């Protein structure tokens, strides 16, 4: 959409025809699609579909992440249309067709069926040829997301930014729990632990499941650039899924989350980490655990929107022309 057209139109989420290109629109008005991308269920020719999963009934502490996708979309409107800082002028909005696919429909009162619905929803996006960036929602949604991505790409390397390992033992297939999704994913062969890495961990759990771990102290002592270098060596050239739990950030930078833990990453460390991961073969990603009722001045939502934009950049970096 040309700049002159943008000056004369509003609600680019509905009015734009070209799926590529930045959108310049009043930050305080208009439809709140992610980065002003077009709202559509038509994935013909789409490179990346952004979708929300507003589910939070698997939390162990504070709820509210069902409101996360909406808050992240609204916060994304603050981001400028020009290429994001730190990516050497690379603009995924110019290079790729990106749409907002809207939120997945779910029956909030039928928790048991939700994982299968998430898996089917995601599989439908992937079957179209588009990549999927998911806005959560609590961290339990990553388990069915991994199922859908592994079905398409095979066993995955995982990069997990988080305060918690989420590998607490759980051998009951009927349970839906945001603290056990990775335990189940590894047991099912969806994730290859020796090619996966957890970053920012600062909670104790005996069950490591063979994963590589660089905890928060390691990040503080060695720096995010070194962490990214080691993470790239670990995941190698195979398909990578990246899940970013916003509680990986310290509560000073992300107060609006269900299970905050002190001593976490700063937003500056997270931005360097994501940008220095450029070159990994990212095939899917999510940002989860944003709980707006516990947020202040939209701090957490703004951080998550920046994470989501960098995840798009990270996906597009190895695919740019």
Protein backbone atom coordinates (compact mmCIF):
# COMPACT_ATOMS: atom_id res chain seq x y z
CA UNK A 1 0.00 0.00 0.00
CA UNK A 2 1.50 3.31 -1.08
CA UNK A 3 2.09 6.02 1.48
CA UNK A 4 -0.29 8.40 -0.32
CA UNK A 5 -3.04 5.77 -0.27
CA UNK A 6 -2.40 5.16 3.40
CA UNK A 7 -2.96 8.83 4.15
CA UNK A 8 -6.41 8.66 2.60
CA UNK A 9 -7.65 5.36 3.97
CA UNK A 10 -8.29 3.81 7.34
CA UNK A 11 -8.74 0.26 8.56
CA UNK A 12 -6.06 -1.26 6.38
CA UNK A 13 -6.91 -4.56 8.05
CA UNK A 14 -9.93 -4.56 5.73
CA UNK A 15 -9.16 -2.12 2.93
CA UNK A 16 -5.65 -3.10 1.79
CA UNK A 17 -5.45 -5.34 -1.25
CA UNK A 18 -1.71 -5.90 -1.47
CA UNK A 19 -0.54 -8.33 1.22
CA UNK A 20 3.00 -6.93 1.05
CA UNK A 21 4.26 -3.57 2.19
CA UNK A 22 4.13 -1.48 5.36
CA UNK A 23 1.02 0.27 6.59
CA UNK A 24 1.02 3.85 7.81
CA UNK A 25 -2.09 4.49 9.83
CA UNK A 26 -3.02 6.36 13.00
CA UNK A 27 -1.74 4.28 15.91
CA UNK A 28 -4.74 5.25 18.02
CA UNK A 29 -7.47 4.42 15.49
CA UNK A 30 -8.60 1.73 13.13
CA UNK A 31 -8.93 -2.04 13.28
CA UNK A 32 -6.30 -3.70 15.43
CA UNK A 33 -4.91 -6.48 13.28
CA UNK A 34 -1.33 -7.52 13.95
CA UNK A 35 0.98 -4.92 12.35
CA UNK A 36 -2.05 -3.71 10.35
CA UNK A 37 -1.97 -6.86 8.26
CA UNK A 38 -5.11 -7.79 6.39
CA UNK A 39 -7.67 -9.86 8.30
CA UNK A 40 -8.52 -12.82 6.10
CA UNK A 41 -9.24 -16.54 6.07
CA UNK A 42 -7.99 -16.81 2.50
CA UNK A 43 -4.44 -18.11 2.64
CA UNK A 44 -3.84 -18.21 -1.11
CA UNK A 45 -0.33 -16.95 -1.75
CA UNK A 46 0.26 -16.18 1.92
CA UNK A 47 3.74 -16.64 3.37
CA UNK A 48 2.98 -16.15 7.07
CA UNK A 49 -0.34 -16.31 8.92
CA UNK A 50 -0.53 -14.75 12.37
CA UNK A 51 -3.21 -16.35 14.51
CA UNK A 52 -4.37 -16.13 18.10
CA UNK A 53 -5.28 -18.94 20.50
CA UNK A 54 -7.13 -17.26 23.40
CA UNK A 55 -6.95 -20.17 25.83
CA UNK A 56 -5.84 -19.94 29.48
CA UNK A 57 -7.54 -22.75 31.40
CA UNK A 58 -4.33 -24.75 31.89
CA UNK A 59 -2.57 -22.23 34.13
CA UNK A 60 -1.32 -23.06 37.63
CA UNK A 61 -1.40 -19.51 38.92
CA UNK A 62 -2.88 -16.26 37.60
CA UNK A 63 -5.27 -16.45 34.62
CA UNK A 64 -5.92 -13.85 31.92
CA UNK A 65 -3.84 -14.97 28.95
CA UNK A 66 -7.01 -15.57 26.96
CA UNK A 67 -6.85 -11.80 26.49
CA UNK A 68 -3.25 -11.95 25.30
CA UNK A 69 -3.78 -12.14 21.51
CA UNK A 70 -5.96 -9.03 21.51
CA UNK A 71 -3.50 -7.09 23.66
CA UNK A 72 -0.51 -8.10 21.52
CA UNK A 73 -2.29 -7.02 18.35
CA UNK A 74 -3.14 -3.63 19.84
CA UNK A 75 0.43 -3.15 21.07
CA UNK A 76 1.79 -4.00 17.62
CA UNK A 77 0.18 -0.81 16.27
CA UNK A 78 2.89 1.19 18.03
CA UNK A 79 5.56 -0.34 15.81
CA UNK A 80 6.60 1.70 12.83
CA UNK A 81 6.00 0.57 9.27
CA UNK A 82 9.65 0.88 8.26
CA UNK A 83 12.12 -2.00 8.67
CA UNK A 84 12.54 -2.95 12.33
CA UNK A 85 15.72 -1.86 14.06
CA UNK A 86 18.58 -4.35 14.22
CA UNK A 87 17.85 -6.30 11.03
CA UNK A 88 20.15 -4.43 8.60
CA UNK A 89 17.27 -2.84 6.73
CA UNK A 90 15.47 -6.15 6.16
CA UNK A 91 11.71 -5.60 6.08
CA UNK A 92 9.60 -8.77 6.19
CA UNK A 93 6.50 -6.68 5.49
CA UNK A 94 7.99 -5.76 2.11
CA UNK A 95 9.44 -9.19 1.35
CA UNK A 96 6.58 -11.50 2.31
CA UNK A 97 2.81 -11.77 2.19
CA UNK A 98 1.69 -11.69 5.82
CA UNK A 99 -1.89 -11.79 7.07
CA UNK A 100 -3.77 -11.85 10.33
CA UNK A 101 -5.79 -15.05 10.32
CA UNK A 102 -7.75 -14.03 13.41
CA UNK A 103 -8.30 -16.11 16.54
CA UNK A 104 -9.07 -19.80 16.67
CA UNK A 105 -12.64 -20.57 17.68
CA UNK A 106 -12.95 -22.69 20.80
CA UNK A 107 -15.49 -23.81 23.35
CA UNK A 108 -14.17 -22.39 26.62
CA UNK A 109 -16.28 -24.87 28.58
CA UNK A 110 -14.90 -27.93 26.78
CA UNK A 111 -11.28 -27.88 27.81
CA UNK A 112 -10.59 -31.50 26.85
CA UNK A 113 -11.20 -30.89 23.15
CA UNK A 114 -9.09 -27.73 22.91
CA UNK A 115 -5.68 -29.32 22.14
CA UNK A 116 -7.09 -31.25 19.18
CA UNK A 117 -8.78 -28.08 17.90
CA UNK A 118 -5.49 -26.17 18.12
CA UNK A 119 -3.68 -28.93 16.25
CA UNK A 120 -6.30 -29.03 13.49
CA UNK A 121 -6.42 -25.22 13.25
CA UNK A 122 -2.64 -25.04 12.85
CA UNK A 123 -2.48 -28.00 10.46
CA UNK A 124 -4.95 -26.21 8.21
CA UNK A 125 -2.70 -23.15 8.06
CA UNK A 126 0.40 -25.22 7.36
CA UNK A 127 -1.40 -27.25 4.67
CA UNK A 128 -1.97 -24.03 2.73
CA UNK A 129 1.78 -23.54 2.48
CA UNK A 130 1.86 -20.64 4.92
CA UNK A 131 4.00 -20.56 8.05
CA UNK A 132 2.25 -19.99 11.36
CA UNK A 133 3.02 -17.49 14.11
CA UNK A 134 0.76 -18.01 17.11
CA UNK A 135 -0.18 -15.50 19.81
CA UNK A 136 -1.21 -17.12 23.10
CA UNK A 137 -2.79 -18.02 25.33
CA UNK A 138 -1.06 -20.07 28.03
CA UNK A 139 1.89 -22.36 27.30
CA UNK A 140 -0.19 -25.51 27.03
CA UNK A 141 -1.07 -24.45 23.48
CA UNK A 142 2.50 -25.14 22.34
CA UNK A 143 2.04 -28.91 22.68
CA UNK A 144 -0.60 -29.18 19.90
CA UNK A 145 1.28 -26.54 17.90
CA UNK A 146 4.35 -28.79 18.01
CA UNK A 147 2.22 -31.75 16.93
CA UNK A 148 1.02 -29.91 13.85
CA UNK A 149 4.50 -28.66 12.93
CA UNK A 150 6.17 -32.04 13.51
CA UNK A 151 3.58 -33.69 11.28
CA UNK A 152 4.69 -31.40 8.46
CA UNK A 153 8.42 -30.99 9.12
CA UNK A 154 9.37 -34.06 11.16
CA UNK A 155 10.94 -34.03 14.64
CA UNK A 156 11.89 -30.50 15.62
CA UNK A 157 14.68 -28.69 17.35
CA UNK A 158 13.20 -26.38 19.95
CA UNK A 159 14.40 -23.00 21.21
CA UNK A 160 12.48 -22.15 24.38
CA UNK A 161 12.79 -18.80 26.17
CA UNK A 162 11.15 -19.26 29.55
CA UNK A 163 11.44 -18.96 33.32
CA UNK A 164 10.28 -22.57 33.66
CA UNK A 165 11.36 -25.81 32.00
CA UNK A 166 7.79 -27.07 31.49
CA UNK A 167 9.09 -30.63 31.71
CA UNK A 168 7.27 -31.70 34.86
CA UNK A 169 6.32 -35.37 34.43
CA UNK A 170 2.82 -35.97 33.11
CA UNK A 171 1.87 -39.29 31.56
CA UNK A 172 -1.88 -38.69 31.53
CA UNK A 173 -2.91 -37.86 27.96
CA UNK A 174 -6.18 -36.34 29.16
CA UNK A 175 -4.47 -33.62 31.22
CA UNK A 176 -3.97 -30.15 29.76
CA UNK A 177 -1.24 -28.31 31.68
CA UNK A 178 1.03 -25.43 30.72
CA UNK A 179 3.85 -26.85 32.84
CA UNK A 180 4.08 -30.26 31.15
CA UNK A 181 3.79 -29.56 27.43
CA UNK A 182 7.48 -30.13 26.70
CA UNK A 183 7.68 -33.35 28.72
CA UNK A 184 4.90 -34.77 26.56
CA UNK A 185 6.36 -33.42 23.32
CA UNK A 186 9.71 -35.07 23.98
CA UNK A 187 8.15 -38.38 25.06
CA UNK A 188 6.17 -38.41 21.81
CA UNK A 189 9.23 -37.68 19.67
CA UNK A 190 7.99 -34.29 18.48
CA UNK A 191 11.08 -32.54 19.85
CA UNK A 192 14.68 -33.76 19.63
CA UNK A 193 16.12 -32.85 23.05
CA UNK A 194 19.80 -32.98 22.12
CA UNK A 195 19.13 -30.40 19.38
CA UNK A 196 17.02 -28.20 21.64
CA UNK A 197 17.86 -25.46 24.10
CA UNK A 198 16.11 -23.73 26.99
CA UNK A 199 17.11 -20.14 27.69
CA UNK A 200 16.43 -17.98 30.75
CA UNK A 201 15.31 -20.77 33.09
CA UNK A 202 15.21 -19.85 36.79
CA UNK A 203 13.04 -22.47 38.46
CA UNK A 204 14.05 -25.88 39.79
CA UNK A 205 12.94 -29.09 38.16
CA UNK A 206 14.76 -32.43 38.41
CA UNK A 207 13.31 -33.68 35.12
CA UNK A 208 15.61 -32.30 32.40
CA UNK A 209 14.57 -34.67 29.58
CA UNK A 210 18.03 -34.44 28.01
CA UNK A 211 17.63 -30.80 26.99
CA UNK A 212 20.45 -28.26 26.75
CA UNK A 213 19.96 -25.45 29.23
CA UNK A 214 21.35 -21.93 29.50
CA UNK A 215 19.66 -20.45 32.54
CA UNK A 216 19.12 -16.78 33.32
CA UNK A 217 22.38 -16.48 35.22
CA UNK A 218 24.24 -17.91 32.24
CA UNK A 219 22.65 -15.26 30.01
CA UNK A 220 23.61 -12.48 32.44
CA UNK A 221 27.19 -13.72 32.81
CA UNK A 222 27.93 -14.62 29.17
CA UNK A 223 25.64 -12.23 27.32
CA UNK A 224 22.85 -12.83 24.80
CA UNK A 225 25.17 -12.82 21.78
CA UNK A 226 27.15 -15.78 23.13
CA UNK A 227 23.92 -17.54 24.10
CA UNK A 228 22.61 -17.12 20.55
CA UNK A 229 25.89 -18.44 19.10
CA UNK A 230 25.73 -21.56 21.25
CA UNK A 231 22.03 -22.04 20.56
CA UNK A 232 22.66 -21.96 16.80
CA UNK A 233 25.35 -24.61 17.19
CA UNK A 234 22.93 -26.79 19.16
CA UNK A 235 19.94 -26.62 16.81
CA UNK A 236 22.01 -26.98 13.64
CA UNK A 237 20.51 -26.75 10.16
CA UNK A 238 17.33 -28.75 10.78
CA UNK A 239 13.81 -27.40 11.31
CA UNK A 240 13.45 -25.26 14.43
CA UNK A 241 10.39 -24.23 16.41
CA UNK A 242 10.79 -21.25 18.76
CA UNK A 243 8.47 -20.74 21.72
CA UNK A 244 8.79 -17.54 23.71
CA UNK A 245 7.10 -17.50 27.10
CA UNK A 246 6.95 -13.84 28.06
CA UNK A 247 7.86 -14.78 31.66
CA UNK A 248 11.32 -15.46 30.27
CA UNK A 249 11.65 -11.71 30.76
CA UNK A 250 12.11 -10.36 34.26
CA UNK A 251 8.89 -9.06 35.87
CA UNK A 252 10.31 -5.53 35.58
CA UNK A 253 9.97 -5.90 31.81
CA UNK A 254 6.92 -8.21 31.72
CA UNK A 255 4.73 -7.88 34.84
CA UNK A 256 1.61 -9.04 33.03
CA UNK A 257 2.08 -12.78 33.17
CA UNK A 258 0.73 -15.65 35.21
CA UNK A 259 3.85 -16.94 36.93
CA UNK A 260 6.46 -14.17 37.18
CA UNK A 261 9.93 -15.04 38.49
CA UNK A 262 12.61 -12.50 39.36
CA UNK A 263 16.10 -12.53 37.84
CA UNK A 264 14.99 -12.89 34.25
CA UNK A 265 16.12 -11.50 30.93
CA UNK A 266 15.85 -7.83 30.10
CA UNK A 267 14.03 -6.74 26.97
CA UNK A 268 17.39 -5.59 25.57
CA UNK A 269 18.88 -9.05 26.10
CA UNK A 270 15.88 -10.67 24.43
CA UNK A 271 16.14 -8.42 21.39
CA UNK A 272 19.85 -9.19 20.93
CA UNK A 273 19.20 -12.90 21.42
CA UNK A 274 16.47 -13.04 18.77
CA UNK A 275 18.41 -10.98 16.25
CA UNK A 276 21.58 -13.01 16.72
CA UNK A 277 19.65 -16.23 16.12
CA UNK A 278 19.26 -15.09 12.51
CA UNK A 279 20.06 -17.95 10.17
CA UNK A 280 18.34 -20.79 12.00
CA UNK A 281 15.81 -22.75 9.97
CA UNK A 282 12.76 -21.47 11.81
CA UNK A 283 9.57 -23.20 10.66
CA UNK A 284 7.14 -22.05 13.35
CA UNK A 285 6.90 -19.94 16.48
CA UNK A 286 4.71 -18.62 19.25
CA UNK A 287 4.70 -16.01 21.99
CA UNK A 288 2.61 -16.95 25.01
CA UNK A 289 1.60 -16.19 28.59
CA UNK A 290 0.75 -12.49 28.21
CA UNK A 291 -1.89 -11.73 30.85
CA UNK A 292 -3.26 -8.19 30.36
CA UNK A 293 -5.16 -8.03 33.69
CA UNK A 294 -1.79 -8.05 35.48
CA UNK A 295 -0.04 -5.74 33.03
CA UNK A 296 0.82 -2.10 33.65
CA UNK A 297 0.90 0.54 30.90
CA UNK A 298 0.83 -2.34 28.38
CA UNK A 299 4.50 -3.07 29.18
CA UNK A 300 4.14 -6.82 28.69
CA UNK A 301 1.99 -6.58 25.56
CA UNK A 302 4.44 -4.16 23.95
CA UNK A 303 7.32 -6.52 24.71
CA UNK A 304 5.38 -9.46 23.25
CA UNK A 305 4.51 -7.51 20.10
CA UNK A 306 8.21 -6.76 19.56
CA UNK A 307 9.04 -10.43 20.13
CA UNK A 308 6.41 -11.45 17.60
CA UNK A 309 7.73 -9.01 15.00
CA UNK A 310 11.27 -10.30 15.52
CA UNK A 311 10.02 -13.87 15.16
CA UNK A 312 8.67 -12.90 11.74
CA UNK A 313 12.04 -11.36 10.89
CA UNK A 314 13.77 -14.50 12.11
CA UNK A 315 11.56 -16.69 9.93
CA UNK A 316 12.12 -14.50 6.90
CA UNK A 317 15.85 -13.97 7.31
CA UNK A 318 16.87 -17.29 5.74
CA UNK A 319 14.18 -16.97 3.06
CA UNK A 320 14.82 -13.42 1.91
CA UNK A 321 15.58 -12.99 -1.79
